[in-house]
Amino acid sequence: MSSNLLLSGNPSGRNPMDARGLIVTGTHPKCGKTVACAGLAGVLNELGFHAQAMKPLAFQPEVSLRKGYEQAFFDRIIPPLQHVDVLTTEAPRSVNPVAYQRLLETCRKRVYPYLLESPGNAATPIRFSSTELLDAADLAETLGLQMLVVTAKQPDIIGALAPVFAYLWSRDAKVAGWLAVETTPIDTPDWDQEILYLRAQYDVPFLGEIPYSPSISVEALQQGNLLRATETGVDLLPIQQALELLLPF
């Protein structure tokens, strides 16, 4: 039975003066969201569009030496079109109402279309208190944006994606599609059959995959062949439509 995930369309509640964005979520941490955001934004800019990848919120220990490395990776691939105010905190409990409003305003003051990498997975709390729990679906709803689901290419992709699709369906989330990132070389003999099953069961477009490359490293800020791998492996049209990108001149 197919779910009723809302595909494409014009999400309600968005200020028409706000730049169009896309919330990039995933099946689990380290599933390739940063690589996907960077690759997509980089290719769109190479094609003549103006789009920015950003991660305005990250959960990391206070003593971490890697604060903001995802945004640094984005800015190294794409010269920053606009400064991103990055909020780093230890846990969702530390994101108070003022900090959450700061996150929203970081998105609303965008001049260019953007791909926003959310922390964790689709159900990971972004803000959590005794009276409120907000996640990536809430952020997308508040901003009136669609979502893109990223997963690591792995065996049993159905087991990884089905709970995410079911959750987003329960939230009436608007999903532009999903793509896979081959984070490590891996054998997936049933890949094509599982993609067909997911397409029939959930009606969420599969946009393609970014293959593994040892020359790509987020931690080392190495771009390698990411842009070429993204352009040849991913269907960009749904991304362009979600961001309402006009043909460049």
C-alpha atoms as a PDB file:
ATOM      1  CA  MET A   1       0.000   0.000   0.000  1.00  0.00           C
ATOM      2  CA  SER A   2       1.401   3.393  -0.995  1.00  0.00           C
ATOM      3  CA  SER A   3       1.697   6.084   1.624  1.00  0.00           C
ATOM      4  CA  ASN A   4       0.444   9.601   1.106  1.00  0.00           C
ATOM      5  CA  LEU A   5       3.718  11.490   1.334  1.00  0.00           C
ATOM      6  CA  LEU A   6       3.093  14.893  -0.164  1.00  0.00           C
ATOM      7  CA  LEU A   7       5.346  15.305  -3.170  1.00  0.00           C
ATOM      8  CA  SER A   8       6.493  18.609  -4.608  1.00  0.00           C
ATOM      9  CA  GLY A   9       3.693  21.168  -4.712  1.00  0.00           C
ATOM     10  CA  ASN A  10       3.831  24.568  -3.045  1.00  0.00           C
ATOM     11  CA  PRO A  11       4.136  24.202   0.730  1.00  0.00           C
ATOM     12  CA  SER A  12       1.851  26.555   2.614  1.00  0.00           C
ATOM     13  CA  GLY A  13       2.970  28.963   5.263  1.00  0.00           C
ATOM     14  CA  ARG A  14       6.126  30.206   3.549  1.00  0.00           C
ATOM     15  CA  ASN A  15       6.679  33.932   3.279  1.00  0.00           C
ATOM     16  CA  PRO A  16       6.920  34.586  -0.482  1.00  0.00           C
ATOM     17  CA  MET A  17       9.784  36.994   0.229  1.00  0.00           C
ATOM     18  CA  ASP A  18      11.889  34.236   1.847  1.00  0.00           C
ATOM     19  CA  ALA A  19      14.501  32.463  -0.253  1.00  0.00           C
ATOM     20  CA  ARG A  20      13.455  28.939  -1.170  1.00  0.00           C
ATOM     21  CA  GLY A  21      15.269  26.210   0.757  1.00  0.00           C
ATOM     22  CA  LEU A  22      15.377  22.429   1.040  1.00  0.00           C
ATOM     23  CA  ILE A  23      15.782  20.610   4.356  1.00  0.00           C
ATOM     24  CA  VAL A  24      18.195  17.700   3.936  1.00  0.00           C
ATOM     25  CA  THR A  25      17.627  14.926   6.452  1.00  0.00           C
ATOM     26  CA  GLY A  26      18.888  11.358   6.677  1.00  0.00           C
ATOM     27  CA  THR A  27      18.348   7.838   7.903  1.00  0.00           C
ATOM     28  CA  HIS A  28      21.108   8.029  10.528  1.00  0.00           C
ATOM     29  CA  PRO A  29      24.138  10.138  11.460  1.00  0.00           C
ATOM     30  CA  LYS A  30      27.102   9.904   9.049  1.00  0.00           C
ATOM     31  CA  CYS A  31      24.862   8.719   6.215  1.00  0.00           C
ATOM     32  CA  GLY A  32      26.284  11.173   3.669  1.00  0.00           C
ATOM     33  CA  LYS A  33      24.154  14.292   4.186  1.00  0.00           C
ATOM     34  CA  THR A  34      27.135  16.667   4.127  1.00  0.00           C
ATOM     35  CA  VAL A  35      28.512  15.121   0.948  1.00  0.00           C
ATOM     36  CA  ALA A  36      25.087  15.299  -0.699  1.00  0.00           C
ATOM     37  CA  CYS A  37      24.476  18.939   0.288  1.00  0.00           C
ATOM     38  CA  ALA A  38      27.908  20.025  -0.902  1.00  0.00           C
ATOM     39  CA  GLY A  39      27.709  18.092  -4.147  1.00  0.00           C
ATOM     40  CA  LEU A  40      24.235  19.338  -5.040  1.00  0.00           C
ATOM     41  CA  ALA A  41      24.926  22.982  -4.221  1.00  0.00           C
ATOM     42  CA  GLY A  42      28.288  22.844  -5.982  1.00  0.00           C
ATOM     43  CA  VAL A  43      26.848  21.388  -9.183  1.00  0.00           C
ATOM     44  CA  LEU A  44      23.960  23.864  -9.212  1.00  0.00           C
ATOM     45  CA  ASN A  45      26.450  26.718  -8.974  1.00  0.00           C
ATOM     46  CA  GLU A  46      28.563  25.224 -11.743  1.00  0.00           C
ATOM     47  CA  LEU A  47      25.442  25.150 -13.917  1.00  0.00           C
ATOM     48  CA  GLY A  48      24.920  28.873 -13.374  1.00  0.00           C
ATOM     49  CA  PHE A  49      22.420  28.854 -10.519  1.00  0.00           C
ATOM     50  CA  HIS A  50      23.070  30.488  -7.161  1.00  0.00           C
ATOM     51  CA  ALA A  51      22.540  28.081  -4.276  1.00  0.00           C
ATOM     52  CA  GLN A  52      24.231  27.644  -0.924  1.00  0.00           C
ATOM     53  CA  ALA A  53      24.780  24.619   1.313  1.00  0.00           C
ATOM     54  CA  MET A  54      24.671  25.254   5.022  1.00  0.00           C
ATOM     55  CA  LYS A  55      24.516  23.585   8.404  1.00  0.00           C
ATOM     56  CA  PRO A  56      23.475  26.279  10.877  1.00  0.00           C
ATOM     57  CA  LEU A  57      22.990  23.868  13.792  1.00  0.00           C
ATOM     58  CA  ALA A  58      25.309  21.108  15.000  1.00  0.00           C
ATOM     59  CA  PHE A  59      25.404  19.004  18.151  1.00  0.00           C
ATOM     60  CA  GLN A  60      28.983  18.509  19.339  1.00  0.00           C
ATOM     61  CA  PRO A  61      30.800  18.426  22.681  1.00  0.00           C
ATOM     62  CA  GLU A  62      31.962  21.795  23.948  1.00  0.00           C
ATOM     63  CA  VAL A  63      35.580  20.585  23.838  1.00  0.00           C
ATOM     64  CA  SER A  64      35.324  19.356  20.231  1.00  0.00           C
ATOM     65  CA  LEU A  65      38.015  20.552  17.828  1.00  0.00           C
ATOM     66  CA  ARG A  66      35.748  19.871  14.832  1.00  0.00           C
ATOM     67  CA  LYS A  67      33.170  22.578  15.383  1.00  0.00           C
ATOM     68  CA  GLY A  68      31.773  23.906  12.139  1.00  0.00           C
ATOM     69  CA  TYR A  69      33.757  21.547   9.908  1.00  0.00           C
ATOM     70  CA  GLU A  70      30.696  20.739   7.790  1.00  0.00           C
ATOM     71  CA  GLN A  71      30.159  24.427   7.010  1.00  0.00           C
ATOM     72  CA  ALA A  72      33.888  24.767   6.308  1.00  0.00           C
ATOM     73  CA  PHE A  73      33.594  21.882   3.825  1.00  0.00           C
ATOM     74  CA  PHE A  74      30.664  23.623   2.122  1.00  0.00           C
ATOM     75  CA  ASP A  75      32.499  26.942   1.941  1.00  0.00           C
ATOM     76  CA  ARG A  76      35.605  25.336   0.505  1.00  0.00           C
ATOM     77  CA  ILE A  77      33.638  23.789  -2.356  1.00  0.00           C
ATOM     78  CA  ILE A  78      31.443  26.837  -2.940  1.00  0.00           C
ATOM     79  CA  PRO A  79      32.788  30.286  -2.016  1.00  0.00           C
ATOM     80  CA  PRO A  80      30.205  31.423   0.550  1.00  0.00           C
ATOM     81  CA  LEU A  81      27.485  33.477  -1.095  1.00  0.00           C
ATOM     82  CA  GLN A  82      26.326  34.697   2.305  1.00  0.00           C
ATOM     83  CA  HIS A  83      27.646  34.234   5.835  1.00  0.00           C
ATOM     84  CA  VAL A  84      26.043  31.430   7.857  1.00  0.00           C
ATOM     85  CA  ASP A  85      25.582  31.982  11.572  1.00  0.00           C
ATOM     86  CA  VAL A  86      26.488  28.549  12.995  1.00  0.00           C
ATOM     87  CA  LEU A  87      25.049  27.469  16.339  1.00  0.00           C
ATOM     88  CA  THR A  88      26.946  24.634  18.022  1.00  0.00           C
ATOM     89  CA  THR A  89      25.599  23.087  21.198  1.00  0.00           C
ATOM     90  CA  GLU A  90      25.965  19.826  23.096  1.00  0.00           C
ATOM     91  CA  ALA A  91      22.360  18.633  22.892  1.00  0.00           C
ATOM     92  CA  PRO A  92      18.819  19.631  21.854  1.00  0.00           C
ATOM     93  CA  ARG A  93      18.085  20.546  25.479  1.00  0.00           C
ATOM     94  CA  SER A  94      20.570  23.398  25.086  1.00  0.00           C
ATOM     95  CA  VAL A  95      18.615  24.916  22.185  1.00  0.00           C
ATOM     96  CA  ASN A  96      16.384  27.337  24.076  1.00  0.00           C
ATOM     97  CA  PRO A  97      13.588  29.373  22.446  1.00  0.00           C
ATOM     98  CA  VAL A  98      15.965  32.225  21.673  1.00  0.00           C
ATOM     99  CA  ALA A  99      18.460  29.887  20.007  1.00  0.00           C
ATOM    100  CA  TYR A 100      15.712  28.211  17.983  1.00  0.00           C
ATOM    101  CA  GLN A 101      14.442  31.589  16.826  1.00  0.00           C
ATOM    102  CA  ARG A 102      18.019  32.420  15.845  1.00  0.00           C
ATOM    103  CA  LEU A 103      18.044  29.251  13.723  1.00  0.00           C
ATOM    104  CA  LEU A 104      14.813  30.279  12.006  1.00  0.00           C
ATOM    105  CA  GLU A 105      16.089  33.785  11.332  1.00  0.00           C
ATOM    106  CA  THR A 106      19.313  32.356   9.885  1.00  0.00           C
ATOM    107  CA  CYS A 107      17.123  30.618   7.300  1.00  0.00           C
ATOM    108  CA  ARG A 108      14.735  33.494   6.720  1.00  0.00           C
ATOM    109  CA  LYS A 109      17.463  36.037   6.038  1.00  0.00           C
ATOM    110  CA  ARG A 110      18.883  33.966   3.185  1.00  0.00           C
ATOM    111  CA  VAL A 111      19.299  35.857  -0.063  1.00  0.00           C
ATOM    112  CA  TYR A 112      19.991  32.774  -2.193  1.00  0.00           C
ATOM    113  CA  PRO A 113      18.232  29.381  -2.328  1.00  0.00           C
ATOM    114  CA  TYR A 114      19.818  26.932   0.096  1.00  0.00           C
ATOM    115  CA  LEU A 115      20.176  23.306   1.107  1.00  0.00           C
ATOM    116  CA  LEU A 116      20.108  23.003   4.879  1.00  0.00           C
ATOM    117  CA  GLU A 117      21.649  19.912   6.469  1.00  0.00           C
ATOM    118  CA  SER A 118      19.723  19.005   9.605  1.00  0.00           C
ATOM    119  CA  PRO A 119      21.506  17.203  12.461  1.00  0.00           C
ATOM    120  CA  GLY A 120      21.042  13.469  12.989  1.00  0.00           C
ATOM    121  CA  ASN A 121      18.118  11.749  11.285  1.00  0.00           C
ATOM    122  CA  ALA A 122      14.578  12.745  10.386  1.00  0.00           C
ATOM    123  CA  ALA A 123      13.290  12.267  13.957  1.00  0.00           C
ATOM    124  CA  THR A 124      16.321  13.639  15.812  1.00  0.00           C
ATOM    125  CA  PRO A 125      15.177  16.461  18.111  1.00  0.00           C
ATOM    126  CA  ILE A 126      16.453  19.887  17.163  1.00  0.00           C
ATOM    127  CA  ARG A 127      14.913  21.419  20.253  1.00  0.00           C
ATOM    128  CA  PHE A 128      13.760  19.394  23.237  1.00  0.00           C
ATOM    129  CA  SER A 129      12.244  20.497  26.535  1.00  0.00           C
ATOM    130  CA  SER A 130       9.597  19.321  28.953  1.00  0.00           C
ATOM    131  CA  THR A 131       6.941  21.067  26.877  1.00  0.00           C
ATOM    132  CA  GLU A 132       8.259  20.957  23.321  1.00  0.00           C
ATOM    133  CA  LEU A 133       9.976  18.580  20.899  1.00  0.00           C
ATOM    134  CA  LEU A 134      10.916  19.915  17.471  1.00  0.00           C
ATOM    135  CA  ASP A 135      12.739  18.056  14.698  1.00  0.00           C
ATOM    136  CA  ALA A 136      13.615  18.492  11.010  1.00  0.00           C
ATOM    137  CA  ALA A 137       9.996  17.976   9.965  1.00  0.00           C
ATOM    138  CA  ASP A 138       8.943  20.795  12.282  1.00  0.00           C
ATOM    139  CA  LEU A 139      11.652  23.039  10.865  1.00  0.00           C
ATOM    140  CA  ALA A 140      10.507  22.284   7.309  1.00  0.00           C
ATOM    141  CA  GLU A 141       6.866  22.926   8.232  1.00  0.00           C
ATOM    142  CA  THR A 142       7.630  26.224   9.969  1.00  0.00           C
ATOM    143  CA  LEU A 143       9.651  27.483   7.026  1.00  0.00           C
ATOM    144  CA  GLY A 144       7.262  26.039   4.441  1.00  0.00           C
ATOM    145  CA  LEU A 145       9.948  23.916   2.766  1.00  0.00           C
ATOM    146  CA  GLN A 146      10.237  20.482   1.197  1.00  0.00           C
ATOM    147  CA  MET A 147      12.605  17.784   2.448  1.00  0.00           C
ATOM    148  CA  LEU A 148      15.254  15.612   0.822  1.00  0.00           C
ATOM    149  CA  VAL A 149      16.123  12.254   2.411  1.00  0.00           C
ATOM    150  CA  VAL A 150      19.713  10.987   2.212  1.00  0.00           C
ATOM    151  CA  THR A 151      20.831   7.478   3.090  1.00  0.00           C
ATOM    152  CA  ALA A 152      24.107   5.633   2.947  1.00  0.00           C
ATOM    153  CA  LYS A 153      24.109   2.999   0.212  1.00  0.00           C
ATOM    154  CA  GLN A 154      23.845  -0.265   2.128  1.00  0.00           C
ATOM    155  CA  PRO A 155      22.278  -3.719   2.071  1.00  0.00           C
ATOM    156  CA  ASP A 156      18.642  -3.786   3.207  1.00  0.00           C
ATOM    157  CA  ILE A 157      17.964  -0.230   2.105  1.00  0.00           C
ATOM    158  CA  ILE A 158      14.281  -0.938   2.716  1.00  0.00           C
ATOM    159  CA  GLY A 159      14.947  -1.437   6.422  1.00  0.00           C
ATOM    160  CA  ALA A 160      16.797   1.892   6.552  1.00  0.00           C
ATOM    161  CA  LEU A 161      14.321   4.000   4.591  1.00  0.00           C
ATOM    162  CA  ALA A 162      10.891   2.549   5.387  1.00  0.00           C
ATOM    163  CA  PRO A 163      10.795   3.925   8.978  1.00  0.00           C
ATOM    164  CA  VAL A 164      11.885   7.355   7.733  1.00  0.00           C
ATOM    165  CA  PHE A 165       9.230   7.452   5.009  1.00  0.00           C
ATOM    166  CA  ALA A 166       6.592   6.219   7.458  1.00  0.00           C
ATOM    167  CA  TYR A 167       7.534   8.912   9.965  1.00  0.00           C
ATOM    168  CA  LEU A 168       7.523  11.714   7.391  1.00  0.00           C
ATOM    169  CA  TRP A 169       4.176  10.471   6.091  1.00  0.00           C
ATOM    170  CA  SER A 170       2.778  10.646   9.623  1.00  0.00           C
ATOM    171  CA  ARG A 171       3.966  14.256   9.774  1.00  0.00           C
ATOM    172  CA  ASP A 172       2.489  15.191   6.361  1.00  0.00           C
ATOM    173  CA  ALA A 173       5.966  16.222   5.282  1.00  0.00           C
ATOM    174  CA  LYS A 174       6.542  17.319   1.714  1.00  0.00           C
ATOM    175  CA  VAL A 175       9.356  15.187   0.266  1.00  0.00           C
ATOM    176  CA  ALA A 176      11.121  16.082  -2.981  1.00  0.00           C
ATOM    177  CA  GLY A 177      12.854  12.691  -3.167  1.00  0.00           C
ATOM    178  CA  TRP A 178      15.688  10.593  -1.777  1.00  0.00           C
ATOM    179  CA  LEU A 179      19.232   9.791  -2.815  1.00  0.00           C
ATOM    180  CA  ALA A 180      22.029   7.514  -1.664  1.00  0.00           C
ATOM    181  CA  VAL A 181      25.668   8.208  -0.875  1.00  0.00           C
ATOM    182  CA  GLU A 182      28.134   5.330  -1.063  1.00  0.00           C
ATOM    183  CA  THR A 183      30.088   6.248   2.062  1.00  0.00           C
ATOM    184  CA  THR A 184      32.214   3.081   1.856  1.00  0.00           C
ATOM    185  CA  PRO A 185      32.718   0.514  -0.923  1.00  0.00           C
ATOM    186  CA  ILE A 186      29.997  -2.061  -0.386  1.00  0.00           C
ATOM    187  CA  ASP A 187      28.239  -4.859  -2.236  1.00  0.00           C
ATOM    188  CA  THR A 188      24.463  -4.398  -2.571  1.00  0.00           C
ATOM    189  CA  PRO A 189      23.205  -7.270  -4.767  1.00  0.00           C
ATOM    190  CA  ASP A 190      19.488  -6.476  -4.294  1.00  0.00           C
ATOM    191  CA  TRP A 191      19.834  -2.708  -4.751  1.00  0.00           C
ATOM    192  CA  ASP A 192      17.768  -2.317  -7.931  1.00  0.00           C
ATOM    193  CA  GLN A 193      14.937  -4.544  -6.693  1.00  0.00           C
ATOM    194  CA  GLU A 194      14.759  -2.723  -3.368  1.00  0.00           C
ATOM    195  CA  ILE A 195      14.599   0.652  -5.126  1.00  0.00           C
ATOM    196  CA  LEU A 196      11.670  -0.594  -7.209  1.00  0.00           C
ATOM    197  CA  TYR A 197       9.901  -1.809  -4.072  1.00  0.00           C
ATOM    198  CA  LEU A 198      10.396   1.533  -2.297  1.00  0.00           C
ATOM    199  CA  ARG A 199       9.171   3.454  -5.325  1.00  0.00           C
ATOM    200  CA  ALA A 200       6.012   1.342  -5.550  1.00  0.00           C
ATOM    201  CA  GLN A 201       5.339   1.335  -1.814  1.00  0.00           C
ATOM    202  CA  TYR A 202       6.004   4.968  -0.927  1.00  0.00           C
ATOM    203  CA  ASP A 203       5.892   6.979  -4.181  1.00  0.00           C
ATOM    204  CA  VAL A 204       9.002   8.944  -3.203  1.00  0.00           C
ATOM    205  CA  PRO A 205      11.246   9.611  -6.226  1.00  0.00           C
ATOM    206  CA  PHE A 206      14.706   8.050  -6.192  1.00  0.00           C
ATOM    207  CA  LEU A 207      17.092  10.730  -7.459  1.00  0.00           C
ATOM    208  CA  GLY A 208      20.206   8.563  -7.834  1.00  0.00           C
ATOM    209  CA  GLU A 209      23.436   8.029  -5.947  1.00  0.00           C
ATOM    210  CA  ILE A 210      26.831   9.556  -5.339  1.00  0.00           C
ATOM    211  CA  PRO A 211      29.409   6.763  -5.695  1.00  0.00           C
ATOM    212  CA  TYR A 212      32.238   6.146  -3.252  1.00  0.00           C
ATOM    213  CA  SER A 213      35.492   7.966  -3.862  1.00  0.00           C
ATOM    214  CA  PRO A 214      38.576   7.904  -1.601  1.00  0.00           C
ATOM    215  CA  SER A 215      39.344  11.462  -2.733  1.00  0.00           C
ATOM    216  CA  ILE A 216      36.261  12.833  -0.943  1.00  0.00           C
ATOM    217  CA  SER A 217      36.675  13.573   2.766  1.00  0.00           C
ATOM    218  CA  VAL A 218      34.543  15.981   4.780  1.00  0.00           C
ATOM    219  CA  GLU A 219      36.857  15.875   7.808  1.00  0.00           C
ATOM    220  CA  ALA A 220      39.930  16.635   5.668  1.00  0.00           C
ATOM    221  CA  LEU A 221      38.026  19.225   3.611  1.00  0.00           C
ATOM    222  CA  GLN A 222      38.853  17.304   0.434  1.00  0.00           C
ATOM    223  CA  GLN A 223      36.442  17.785  -2.449  1.00  0.00           C
ATOM    224  CA  GLY A 224      38.024  15.270  -4.834  1.00  0.00           C
ATOM    225  CA  ASN A 225      35.690  14.405  -7.686  1.00  0.00           C
ATOM    226  CA  LEU A 226      32.492  15.165  -5.752  1.00  0.00           C
ATOM    227  CA  LEU A 227      30.996  17.583  -8.262  1.00  0.00           C
ATOM    228  CA  ARG A 228      31.488  15.283 -11.227  1.00  0.00           C
ATOM    229  CA  ALA A 229      30.163  12.288  -9.260  1.00  0.00           C
ATOM    230  CA  THR A 230      27.073  14.258  -8.223  1.00  0.00           C
ATOM    231  CA  GLU A 231      26.328  15.618 -11.685  1.00  0.00           C
ATOM    232  CA  THR A 232      26.559  12.199 -13.309  1.00  0.00           C
ATOM    233  CA  GLY A 233      24.819  10.256 -10.529  1.00  0.00           C
ATOM    234  CA  VAL A 234      21.929  12.426  -9.360  1.00  0.00           C
ATOM    235  CA  ASP A 235      18.805  13.721 -11.110  1.00  0.00           C
ATOM    236  CA  LEU A 236      18.981  17.450 -10.398  1.00  0.00           C
ATOM    237  CA  LEU A 237      15.597  18.451 -11.819  1.00  0.00           C
ATOM    238  CA  PRO A 238      13.549  17.745  -8.643  1.00  0.00           C
ATOM    239  CA  ILE A 239      16.133  19.703  -6.637  1.00  0.00           C
ATOM    240  CA  GLN A 240      15.873  22.645  -9.020  1.00  0.00           C
ATOM    241  CA  GLN A 241      12.083  22.497  -8.810  1.00  0.00           C
ATOM    242  CA  ALA A 242      12.077  22.351  -5.014  1.00  0.00           C
ATOM    243  CA  LEU A 243      14.366  25.380  -4.878  1.00  0.00           C
ATOM    244  CA  GLU A 244      12.360  27.121  -7.614  1.00  0.00           C
ATOM    245  CA  LEU A 245      15.549  27.817  -9.556  1.00  0.00           C
ATOM    246  CA  LEU A 246      15.054  29.712 -12.780  1.00  0.00           C
ATOM    247  CA  LEU A 247      17.106  28.889 -15.849  1.00  0.00           C
ATOM    248  CA  PRO A 248      20.410  30.764 -15.623  1.00  0.00           C
ATOM    249  CA  PHE A 249      21.194  33.366 -18.251  1.00  0.00           C
END
